[in-house]
Amino acid sequence: MNTLLFRGNEFDANFFYFSKIDVDNSFYLNLNGKRMLFVPKLNERAAKSSFNGQVIVYKKPLEEIAKLLKAKKMKLDYSALPAKIYEKLRRVCKPTDSSS
């Protein structure tokens, strides 16, 4: 299942469970079995040394992620996702809640 998780400033157990890494202000995307981690430039070195998948350094993460999600069904953890991010994502994909 396609999954997108967000890790803000606070530790998120679901993010860590699926990504196997704890990097703040990051997005973990599993799209058709391809693992991707979107990180700010500050966290690039730590992510590349620890993440098993593609690390993408972002400037505008939602714009970059939206290009990959066009009309796809996505599992999102609503409990950890800020409303502003959810509103932007629901315009480009078909979200369902994975937090329950």
PDB file of N, CA and C in Angstrom:
ATOM      1  N   MET A   1       0.835  -1.188   0.000  1.00  0.00           N
ATOM      2  CA  MET A   1       0.000   0.000   0.000  1.00  0.00           C
ATOM      3  C   MET A   1       0.875   1.244   0.000  1.00  0.00           C
ATOM      4  N   ASN A   2       0.499   2.231  -0.779  1.00  0.00           N
ATOM      5  CA  ASN A   2       1.218   3.496  -0.824  1.00  0.00           C
ATOM      6  C   ASN A   2       0.994   4.247   0.484  1.00  0.00           C
ATOM      7  N   THR A   3       2.085   4.706   1.075  1.00  0.00           N
ATOM      8  CA  THR A   3       2.020   5.348   2.382  1.00  0.00           C
ATOM      9  C   THR A   3       2.860   6.618   2.392  1.00  0.00           C
ATOM     10  N   LEU A   4       2.320   7.663   2.994  1.00  0.00           N
ATOM     11  CA  LEU A   4       3.058   8.898   3.204  1.00  0.00           C
ATOM     12  C   LEU A   4       2.946   9.263   4.673  1.00  0.00           C
ATOM     13  N   LEU A   5       4.095   9.429   5.327  1.00  0.00           N
ATOM     14  CA  LEU A   5       4.131   9.797   6.745  1.00  0.00           C
ATOM     15  C   LEU A   5       4.952  11.065   6.915  1.00  0.00           C
ATOM     16  N   PHE A   6       4.560  11.877   7.871  1.00  0.00           N
ATOM     17  CA  PHE A   6       5.259  13.124   8.165  1.00  0.00           C
ATOM     18  C   PHE A   6       5.831  13.068   9.568  1.00  0.00           C
ATOM     19  N   ARG A   7       7.065  13.513   9.718  1.00  0.00           N
ATOM     20  CA  ARG A   7       7.704  13.615  11.029  1.00  0.00           C
ATOM     21  C   ARG A   7       8.079  15.078  11.215  1.00  0.00           C
ATOM     22  N   GLY A   8       7.342  15.772  12.076  1.00  0.00           N
ATOM     23  CA  GLY A   8       7.613  17.180  12.343  1.00  0.00           C
ATOM     24  C   GLY A   8       8.736  17.337  13.350  1.00  0.00           C
ATOM     25  N   ASN A   9       8.511  18.149  14.362  1.00  0.00           N
ATOM     26  CA  ASN A   9       9.526  18.398  15.386  1.00  0.00           C
ATOM     27  C   ASN A   9       9.508  17.374  16.508  1.00  0.00           C
ATOM     28  N   GLU A  10       8.423  16.631  16.636  1.00  0.00           N
ATOM     29  CA  GLU A  10       8.280  15.642  17.699  1.00  0.00           C
ATOM     30  C   GLU A  10       8.484  14.231  17.158  1.00  0.00           C
ATOM     31  N   PHE A  11       9.014  13.346  17.999  1.00  0.00           N
ATOM     32  CA  PHE A  11       9.192  11.948  17.615  1.00  0.00           C
ATOM     33  C   PHE A  11       7.843  11.345  17.241  1.00  0.00           C
ATOM     34  N   ASP A  12       7.830  10.545  16.185  1.00  0.00           N
ATOM     35  CA  ASP A  12       6.612   9.878  15.743  1.00  0.00           C
ATOM     36  C   ASP A  12       6.904   8.393  15.589  1.00  0.00           C
ATOM     37  N   ALA A  13       6.257   7.569  16.389  1.00  0.00           N
ATOM     38  CA  ALA A  13       6.525   6.127  16.395  1.00  0.00           C
ATOM     39  C   ALA A  13       6.193   5.476  15.058  1.00  0.00           C
ATOM     40  N   ASN A  14       5.097   5.870  14.421  1.00  0.00           N
ATOM     41  CA  ASN A  14       4.743   5.293  13.128  1.00  0.00           C
ATOM     42  C   ASN A  14       5.788   5.630  12.065  1.00  0.00           C
ATOM     43  N   PHE A  15       6.229   6.878  12.065  1.00  0.00           N
ATOM     44  CA  PHE A  15       7.265   7.296  11.113  1.00  0.00           C
ATOM     45  C   PHE A  15       8.520   6.453  11.310  1.00  0.00           C
ATOM     46  N   PHE A  16       8.943   6.308  12.561  1.00  0.00           N
ATOM     47  CA  PHE A  16      10.151   5.535  12.850  1.00  0.00           C
ATOM     48  C   PHE A  16       9.973   4.061  12.492  1.00  0.00           C
ATOM     49  N   TYR A  17       8.823   3.493  12.774  1.00  0.00           N
ATOM     50  CA  TYR A  17       8.565   2.078  12.480  1.00  0.00           C
ATOM     51  C   TYR A  17       8.708   1.786  10.988  1.00  0.00           C
ATOM     52  N   PHE A  18       8.134   2.630  10.165  1.00  0.00           N
ATOM     53  CA  PHE A  18       8.173   2.373   8.725  1.00  0.00           C
ATOM     54  C   PHE A  18       9.476   2.816   8.073  1.00  0.00           C
ATOM     55  N   SER A  19      10.027   3.935   8.488  1.00  0.00           N
ATOM     56  CA  SER A  19      11.238   4.453   7.832  1.00  0.00           C
ATOM     57  C   SER A  19      12.529   3.912   8.431  1.00  0.00           C
ATOM     58  N   LYS A  20      12.464   3.451   9.674  1.00  0.00           N
ATOM     59  CA  LYS A  20      13.641   2.959  10.409  1.00  0.00           C
ATOM     60  C   LYS A  20      14.672   4.061  10.649  1.00  0.00           C
ATOM     61  N   ILE A  21      14.203   5.305  10.664  1.00  0.00           N
ATOM     62  CA  ILE A  21      15.083   6.449  10.902  1.00  0.00           C
ATOM     63  C   ILE A  21      14.278   7.554  11.594  1.00  0.00           C
ATOM     64  N   ASP A  22      14.927   8.355  12.402  1.00  0.00           N
ATOM     65  CA  ASP A  22      14.265   9.458  13.082  1.00  0.00           C
ATOM     66  C   ASP A  22      14.921  10.767  12.661  1.00  0.00           C
ATOM     67  N   VAL A  23      14.346  11.404  11.650  1.00  0.00           N
ATOM     68  CA  VAL A  23      14.864  12.660  11.122  1.00  0.00           C
ATOM     69  C   VAL A  23      13.728  13.679  11.152  1.00  0.00           C
ATOM     70  N   ASP A  24      13.934  14.784  11.850  1.00  0.00           N
ATOM     71  CA  ASP A  24      12.856  15.761  11.990  1.00  0.00           C
ATOM     72  C   ASP A  24      12.548  16.484  10.682  1.00  0.00           C
ATOM     73  N   ASN A  25      11.309  16.972  10.601  1.00  0.00           N
ATOM     74  CA  ASN A  25      10.809  17.718   9.448  1.00  0.00           C
ATOM     75  C   ASN A  25      10.995  16.970   8.133  1.00  0.00           C
ATOM     76  N   SER A  26      10.640  15.690   8.157  1.00  0.00           N
ATOM     77  CA  SER A  26      10.831  14.833   6.997  1.00  0.00           C
ATOM     78  C   SER A  26       9.539  14.134   6.600  1.00  0.00           C
ATOM     79  N   PHE A  27       9.507  13.695   5.372  1.00  0.00           N
ATOM     80  CA  PHE A  27       8.393  12.922   4.842  1.00  0.00           C
ATOM     81  C   PHE A  27       8.928  11.570   4.388  1.00  0.00           C
ATOM     82  N   TYR A  28       8.255  10.501   4.799  1.00  0.00           N
ATOM     83  CA  TYR A  28       8.583   9.151   4.330  1.00  0.00           C
ATOM     84  C   TYR A  28       7.503   8.749   3.335  1.00  0.00           C
ATOM     85  N   LEU A  29       7.928   8.338   2.154  1.00  0.00           N
ATOM     86  CA  LEU A  29       6.991   7.926   1.112  1.00  0.00           C
ATOM     87  C   LEU A  29       7.346   6.530   0.634  1.00  0.00           C
ATOM     88  N   ASN A  30       6.376   5.637   0.710  1.00  0.00           N
ATOM     89  CA  ASN A  30       6.512   4.307   0.116  1.00  0.00           C
ATOM     90  C   ASN A  30       5.515   4.282  -1.031  1.00  0.00           C
ATOM     91  N   LEU A  31       6.029   4.324  -2.238  1.00  0.00           N
ATOM     92  CA  LEU A  31       5.196   4.404  -3.430  1.00  0.00           C
ATOM     93  C   LEU A  31       5.473   3.197  -4.315  1.00  0.00           C
ATOM     94  N   ASN A  32       4.504   2.285  -4.347  1.00  0.00           N
ATOM     95  CA  ASN A  32       4.647   1.047  -5.130  1.00  0.00           C
ATOM     96  C   ASN A  32       5.907   0.271  -4.744  1.00  0.00           C
ATOM     97  N   GLY A  33       6.226   0.268  -3.443  1.00  0.00           N
ATOM     98  CA  GLY A  33       7.373  -0.470  -2.937  1.00  0.00           C
ATOM     99  C   GLY A  33       8.686   0.290  -2.965  1.00  0.00           C
ATOM    100  N   LYS A  34       8.708   1.468  -3.550  1.00  0.00           N
ATOM    101  CA  LYS A  34       9.925   2.296  -3.578  1.00  0.00           C
ATOM    102  C   LYS A  34       9.920   3.209  -2.363  1.00  0.00           C
ATOM    103  N   ARG A  35      10.987   3.112  -1.554  1.00  0.00           N
ATOM    104  CA  ARG A  35      11.097   3.892  -0.318  1.00  0.00           C
ATOM    105  C   ARG A  35      11.840   5.193  -0.572  1.00  0.00           C
ATOM    106  N   MET A  36      11.204   6.312  -0.185  1.00  0.00           N
ATOM    107  CA  MET A  36      11.805   7.628  -0.367  1.00  0.00           C
ATOM    108  C   MET A  36      11.695   8.430   0.921  1.00  0.00           C
ATOM    109  N   LEU A  37      12.714   9.203   1.199  1.00  0.00           N
ATOM    110  CA  LEU A  37      12.723  10.072   2.372  1.00  0.00           C
ATOM    111  C   LEU A  37      13.027  11.490   1.898  1.00  0.00           C
ATOM    112  N   PHE A  38      12.101  12.408   2.142  1.00  0.00           N
ATOM    113  CA  PHE A  38      12.275  13.807   1.793  1.00  0.00           C
ATOM    114  C   PHE A  38      12.736  14.536   3.040  1.00  0.00           C
ATOM    115  N   VAL A  39      13.923  15.147   2.957  1.00  0.00           N
ATOM    116  CA  VAL A  39      14.530  15.789   4.127  1.00  0.00           C
ATOM    117  C   VAL A  39      15.012  17.191   3.784  1.00  0.00           C
ATOM    118  N   PRO A  40      15.098  18.072   4.794  1.00  0.00           N
ATOM    119  CA  PRO A  40      15.715  19.371   4.558  1.00  0.00           C
ATOM    120  C   PRO A  40      17.231  19.198   4.422  1.00  0.00           C
ATOM    121  N   LYS A  41      17.875  20.151   3.793  1.00  0.00           N
ATOM    122  CA  LYS A  41      19.328  20.106   3.541  1.00  0.00           C
ATOM    123  C   LYS A  41      20.120  19.825   4.826  1.00  0.00           C
ATOM    124  N   LEU A  42      19.684  20.395   5.919  1.00  0.00           N
ATOM    125  CA  LEU A  42      20.373  20.219   7.201  1.00  0.00           C
ATOM    126  C   LEU A  42      20.481  18.749   7.608  1.00  0.00           C
ATOM    127  N   ASN A  43      19.522  17.927   7.229  1.00  0.00           N
ATOM    128  CA  ASN A  43      19.500  16.514   7.631  1.00  0.00           C
ATOM    129  C   ASN A  43      19.976  15.549   6.542  1.00  0.00           C
ATOM    130  N   GLU A  44      20.488  16.080   5.462  1.00  0.00           N
ATOM    131  CA  GLU A  44      20.877  15.227   4.329  1.00  0.00           C
ATOM    132  C   GLU A  44      21.921  14.178   4.702  1.00  0.00           C
ATOM    133  N   ARG A  45      22.982  14.564   5.355  1.00  0.00           N
ATOM    134  CA  ARG A  45      24.066  13.632   5.670  1.00  0.00           C
ATOM    135  C   ARG A  45      23.581  12.493   6.570  1.00  0.00           C
ATOM    136  N   ALA A  46      22.851  12.824   7.613  1.00  0.00           N
ATOM    137  CA  ALA A  46      22.340  11.798   8.530  1.00  0.00           C
ATOM    138  C   ALA A  46      21.395  10.852   7.813  1.00  0.00           C
ATOM    139  N   ALA A  47      20.545  11.388   6.965  1.00  0.00           N
ATOM    140  CA  ALA A  47      19.579  10.552   6.248  1.00  0.00           C
ATOM    141  C   ALA A  47      20.285   9.607   5.278  1.00  0.00           C
ATOM    142  N   LYS A  48      21.230  10.124   4.526  1.00  0.00           N
ATOM    143  CA  LYS A  48      21.921   9.287   3.532  1.00  0.00           C
ATOM    144  C   LYS A  48      22.745   8.191   4.186  1.00  0.00           C
ATOM    145  N   SER A  49      23.253   8.436   5.377  1.00  0.00           N
ATOM    146  CA  SER A  49      24.066   7.415   6.038  1.00  0.00           C
ATOM    147  C   SER A  49      23.214   6.348   6.729  1.00  0.00           C
ATOM    148  N   SER A  50      21.937   6.645   6.993  1.00  0.00           N
ATOM    149  CA  SER A  50      21.120   5.719   7.777  1.00  0.00           C
ATOM    150  C   SER A  50      19.892   5.167   7.071  1.00  0.00           C
ATOM    151  N   PHE A  51      19.435   5.796   6.012  1.00  0.00           N
ATOM    152  CA  PHE A  51      18.177   5.389   5.382  1.00  0.00           C
ATOM    153  C   PHE A  51      18.411   4.404   4.246  1.00  0.00           C
ATOM    154  N   ASN A  52      17.626   3.342   4.243  1.00  0.00           N
ATOM    155  CA  ASN A  52      17.700   2.337   3.184  1.00  0.00           C
ATOM    156  C   ASN A  52      16.649   2.671   2.129  1.00  0.00           C
ATOM    157  N   GLY A  53      17.016   3.522   1.199  1.00  0.00           N
ATOM    158  CA  GLY A  53      16.110   3.972   0.151  1.00  0.00           C
ATOM    159  C   GLY A  53      16.648   5.259  -0.443  1.00  0.00           C
ATOM    160  N   GLN A  54      15.829   5.907  -1.234  1.00  0.00           N
ATOM    161  CA  GLN A  54      16.238   7.143  -1.895  1.00  0.00           C
ATOM    162  C   GLN A  54      16.018   8.333  -0.971  1.00  0.00           C
ATOM    163  N   VAL A  55      17.052   9.159  -0.808  1.00  0.00           N
ATOM    164  CA  VAL A  55      16.955  10.373  -0.002  1.00  0.00           C
ATOM    165  C   VAL A  55      16.858  11.561  -0.960  1.00  0.00           C
ATOM    166  N   ILE A  56      15.831  12.365  -0.766  1.00  0.00           N
ATOM    167  CA  ILE A  56      15.603  13.525  -1.614  1.00  0.00           C
ATOM    168  C   ILE A  56      15.630  14.768  -0.737  1.00  0.00           C
ATOM    169  N   VAL A  57      16.541  15.683  -1.042  1.00  0.00           N
ATOM    170  CA  VAL A  57      16.634  16.939  -0.297  1.00  0.00           C
ATOM    171  C   VAL A  57      15.623  17.900  -0.906  1.00  0.00           C
ATOM    172  N   TYR A  58      14.764  18.440  -0.050  1.00  0.00           N
ATOM    173  CA  TYR A  58      13.700  19.300  -0.573  1.00  0.00           C
ATOM    174  C   TYR A  58      13.915  20.768  -0.264  1.00  0.00           C
ATOM    175  N   LYS A  59      13.312  21.587  -1.127  1.00  0.00           N
ATOM    176  CA  LYS A  59      13.168  23.013  -0.865  1.00  0.00           C
ATOM    177  C   LYS A  59      11.701  23.304  -0.593  1.00  0.00           C
ATOM    178  N   LYS A  60      10.819  22.737  -1.424  1.00  0.00           N
ATOM    179  CA  LYS A  60       9.369  22.857  -1.255  1.00  0.00           C
ATOM    180  C   LYS A  60       8.803  21.435  -1.296  1.00  0.00           C
ATOM    181  N   PRO A  61       8.754  20.773  -0.131  1.00  0.00           N
ATOM    182  CA  PRO A  61       8.438  19.346  -0.113  1.00  0.00           C
ATOM    183  C   PRO A  61       7.079  18.981  -0.688  1.00  0.00           C
ATOM    184  N   LEU A  62       6.062  19.759  -0.405  1.00  0.00           N
ATOM    185  CA  LEU A  62       4.733  19.388  -0.881  1.00  0.00           C
ATOM    186  C   LEU A  62       4.618  19.478  -2.396  1.00  0.00           C
ATOM    187  N   GLU A  63       5.308  20.416  -2.997  1.00  0.00           N
ATOM    188  CA  GLU A  63       5.304  20.504  -4.459  1.00  0.00           C
ATOM    189  C   GLU A  63       6.004  19.294  -5.070  1.00  0.00           C
ATOM    190  N   GLU A  64       7.121  18.893  -4.488  1.00  0.00           N
ATOM    191  CA  GLU A  64       7.870  17.755  -5.004  1.00  0.00           C
ATOM    192  C   GLU A  64       7.108  16.440  -4.800  1.00  0.00           C
ATOM    193  N   ILE A  65       6.497  16.291  -3.646  1.00  0.00           N
ATOM    194  CA  ILE A  65       5.735  15.078  -3.344  1.00  0.00           C
ATOM    195  C   ILE A  65       4.474  15.006  -4.203  1.00  0.00           C
ATOM    196  N   ALA A  66       3.819  16.142  -4.394  1.00  0.00           N
ATOM    197  CA  ALA A  66       2.579  16.178  -5.171  1.00  0.00           C
ATOM    198  C   ALA A  66       2.778  15.645  -6.584  1.00  0.00           C
ATOM    199  N   LYS A  67       3.921  15.897  -7.168  1.00  0.00           N
ATOM    200  CA  LYS A  67       4.200  15.400  -8.523  1.00  0.00           C
ATOM    201  C   LYS A  67       4.163  13.877  -8.576  1.00  0.00           C
ATOM    202  N   LEU A  68       4.548  13.230  -7.494  1.00  0.00           N
ATOM    203  CA  LEU A  68       4.592  11.764  -7.443  1.00  0.00           C
ATOM    204  C   LEU A  68       3.241  11.148  -7.087  1.00  0.00           C
ATOM    205  N   LEU A  69       2.372  11.913  -6.450  1.00  0.00           N
ATOM    206  CA  LEU A  69       1.135  11.360  -5.905  1.00  0.00           C
ATOM    207  C   LEU A  69      -0.100  11.543  -6.769  1.00  0.00           C
ATOM    208  N   LYS A  70      -0.002  12.188  -7.879  1.00  0.00           N
ATOM    209  CA  LYS A  70      -1.166  12.530  -8.705  1.00  0.00           C
ATOM    210  C   LYS A  70      -2.186  11.402  -8.773  1.00  0.00           C
ATOM    211  N   ALA A  71      -3.355  11.633  -8.164  1.00  0.00           N
ATOM    212  CA  ALA A  71      -4.530  10.746  -8.214  1.00  0.00           C
ATOM    213  C   ALA A  71      -4.293   9.348  -7.647  1.00  0.00           C
ATOM    214  N   LYS A  72      -3.225   9.134  -6.904  1.00  0.00           N
ATOM    215  CA  LYS A  72      -2.954   7.818  -6.320  1.00  0.00           C
ATOM    216  C   LYS A  72      -3.648   7.690  -4.965  1.00  0.00           C
ATOM    217  N   LYS A  73      -4.026   6.471  -4.621  1.00  0.00           N
ATOM    218  CA  LYS A  73      -4.552   6.195  -3.293  1.00  0.00           C
ATOM    219  C   LYS A  73      -3.376   6.168  -2.325  1.00  0.00           C
ATOM    220  N   MET A  74      -3.499   6.912  -1.232  1.00  0.00           N
ATOM    221  CA  MET A  74      -2.413   7.016  -0.264  1.00  0.00           C
ATOM    222  C   MET A  74      -2.939   6.824   1.144  1.00  0.00           C
ATOM    223  N   LYS A  75      -2.181   6.089   1.951  1.00  0.00           N
ATOM    224  CA  LYS A  75      -2.448   5.989   3.386  1.00  0.00           C
ATOM    225  C   LYS A  75      -1.676   7.116   4.055  1.00  0.00           C
ATOM    226  N   LEU A  76      -2.381   7.908   4.866  1.00  0.00           N
ATOM    227  CA  LEU A  76      -1.771   9.002   5.610  1.00  0.00           C
ATOM    228  C   LEU A  76      -2.075   8.809   7.086  1.00  0.00           C
ATOM    229  N   ASP A  77      -1.139   9.170   7.931  1.00  0.00           N
ATOM    230  CA  ASP A  77      -1.356   9.120   9.375  1.00  0.00           C
ATOM    231  C   ASP A  77      -1.955  10.455   9.807  1.00  0.00           C
ATOM    232  N   TYR A  78      -3.275  10.534   9.832  1.00  0.00           N
ATOM    233  CA  TYR A  78      -3.958  11.789  10.146  1.00  0.00           C
ATOM    234  C   TYR A  78      -3.581  12.323  11.524  1.00  0.00           C
ATOM    235  N   SER A  79      -3.265  11.436  12.449  1.00  0.00           N
ATOM    236  CA  SER A  79      -2.959  11.890  13.814  1.00  0.00           C
ATOM    237  C   SER A  79      -1.654  12.677  13.894  1.00  0.00           C
ATOM    238  N   ALA A  80      -0.768  12.510  12.924  1.00  0.00           N
ATOM    239  CA  ALA A  80       0.525  13.198  12.959  1.00  0.00           C
ATOM    240  C   ALA A  80       0.664  14.246  11.854  1.00  0.00           C
ATOM    241  N   LEU A  81      -0.363  14.396  11.042  1.00  0.00           N
ATOM    242  CA  LEU A  81      -0.283  15.282   9.880  1.00  0.00           C
ATOM    243  C   LEU A  81      -0.985  16.609  10.165  1.00  0.00           C
ATOM    244  N   PRO A  82      -0.267  17.716  10.072  1.00  0.00           N
ATOM    245  CA  PRO A  82      -0.913  19.015  10.265  1.00  0.00           C
ATOM    246  C   PRO A  82      -2.014  19.237   9.222  1.00  0.00           C
ATOM    247  N   ALA A  83      -3.066  19.918   9.619  1.00  0.00           N
ATOM    248  CA  ALA A  83      -4.217  20.149   8.742  1.00  0.00           C
ATOM    249  C   ALA A  83      -3.817  20.862   7.451  1.00  0.00           C
ATOM    250  N   LYS A  84      -2.904  21.782   7.536  1.00  0.00           N
ATOM    251  CA  LYS A  84      -2.462  22.531   6.354  1.00  0.00           C
ATOM    252  C   LYS A  84      -1.843  21.598   5.311  1.00  0.00           C
ATOM    253  N   ILE A  85      -1.036  20.655   5.762  1.00  0.00           N
ATOM    254  CA  ILE A  85      -0.415  19.691   4.856  1.00  0.00           C
ATOM    255  C   ILE A  85      -1.476  18.753   4.284  1.00  0.00           C
ATOM    256  N   TYR A  86      -2.387  18.292   5.136  1.00  0.00           N
ATOM    257  CA  TYR A  86      -3.462  17.415   4.665  1.00  0.00           C
ATOM    258  C   TYR A  86      -4.280  18.087   3.563  1.00  0.00           C
ATOM    259  N   GLU A  87      -4.645  19.341   3.761  1.00  0.00           N
ATOM    260  CA  GLU A  87      -5.455  20.059   2.780  1.00  0.00           C
ATOM    261  C   GLU A  87      -4.749  20.132   1.429  1.00  0.00           C
ATOM    262  N   LYS A  88      -3.455  20.346   1.432  1.00  0.00           N
ATOM    263  CA  LYS A  88      -2.710  20.403   0.170  1.00  0.00           C
ATOM    264  C   LYS A  88      -2.630  19.026  -0.481  1.00  0.00           C
ATOM    265  N   LEU A  89      -2.420  17.995   0.328  1.00  0.00           N
ATOM    266  CA  LEU A  89      -2.280  16.647  -0.221  1.00  0.00           C
ATOM    267  C   LEU A  89      -3.590  16.098  -0.779  1.00  0.00           C
ATOM    268  N   ARG A  90      -4.686  16.404  -0.134  1.00  0.00           N
ATOM    269  CA  ARG A  90      -5.955  15.840  -0.590  1.00  0.00           C
ATOM    270  C   ARG A  90      -6.378  16.390  -1.947  1.00  0.00           C
ATOM    271  N   ARG A  91      -5.757  17.469  -2.378  1.00  0.00           N
ATOM    272  CA  ARG A  91      -6.033  18.011  -3.709  1.00  0.00           C
ATOM    273  C   ARG A  91      -5.346  17.202  -4.814  1.00  0.00           C
ATOM    274  N   VAL A  92      -4.299  16.462  -4.450  1.00  0.00           N
ATOM    275  CA  VAL A  92      -3.537  15.745  -5.484  1.00  0.00           C
ATOM    276  C   VAL A  92      -3.620  14.226  -5.382  1.00  0.00           C
ATOM    277  N   CYS A  93      -4.083  13.701  -4.245  1.00  0.00           N
ATOM    278  CA  CYS A  93      -4.164  12.244  -4.095  1.00  0.00           C
ATOM    279  C   CYS A  93      -5.484  11.863  -3.441  1.00  0.00           C
ATOM    280  N   LYS A  94      -5.688  10.570  -3.276  1.00  0.00           N
ATOM    281  CA  LYS A  94      -6.896  10.060  -2.626  1.00  0.00           C
ATOM    282  C   LYS A  94      -6.498   9.502  -1.272  1.00  0.00           C
ATOM    283  N   PRO A  95      -6.523  10.341  -0.218  1.00  0.00           N
ATOM    284  CA  PRO A  95      -6.032   9.909   1.097  1.00  0.00           C
ATOM    285  C   PRO A  95      -7.019   9.049   1.875  1.00  0.00           C
ATOM    286  N   THR A  96      -6.476   8.109   2.632  1.00  0.00           N
ATOM    287  CA  THR A  96      -7.228   7.366   3.634  1.00  0.00           C
ATOM    288  C   THR A  96      -6.421   7.358   4.911  1.00  0.00           C
ATOM    289  N   ASP A  97      -7.101   7.240   6.038  1.00  0.00           N
ATOM    290  CA  ASP A  97      -6.448   7.334   7.344  1.00  0.00           C
ATOM    291  C   ASP A  97      -5.837   5.993   7.750  1.00  0.00           C
ATOM    292  N   SER A  98      -4.572   6.011   8.086  1.00  0.00           N
ATOM    293  CA  SER A  98      -3.895   4.806   8.567  1.00  0.00           C
ATOM    294  C   SER A  98      -3.627   4.857  10.064  1.00  0.00           C
ATOM    295  N   SER A  99      -4.075   5.923  10.744  1.00  0.00           N
ATOM    296  CA  SER A  99      -3.739   6.104  12.154  1.00  0.00           C
ATOM    297  C   SER A  99      -4.623   5.285  13.084  1.00  0.00           C
ATOM    298  N   SER A 100      -5.748   4.778  12.623  1.00  0.00           N
ATOM    299  CA  SER A 100      -6.634   4.039  13.515  1.00  0.00           C
ATOM    300  C   SER A 100      -6.350   2.553  13.497  1.00  0.00           C
TER     301      SER A 100
END
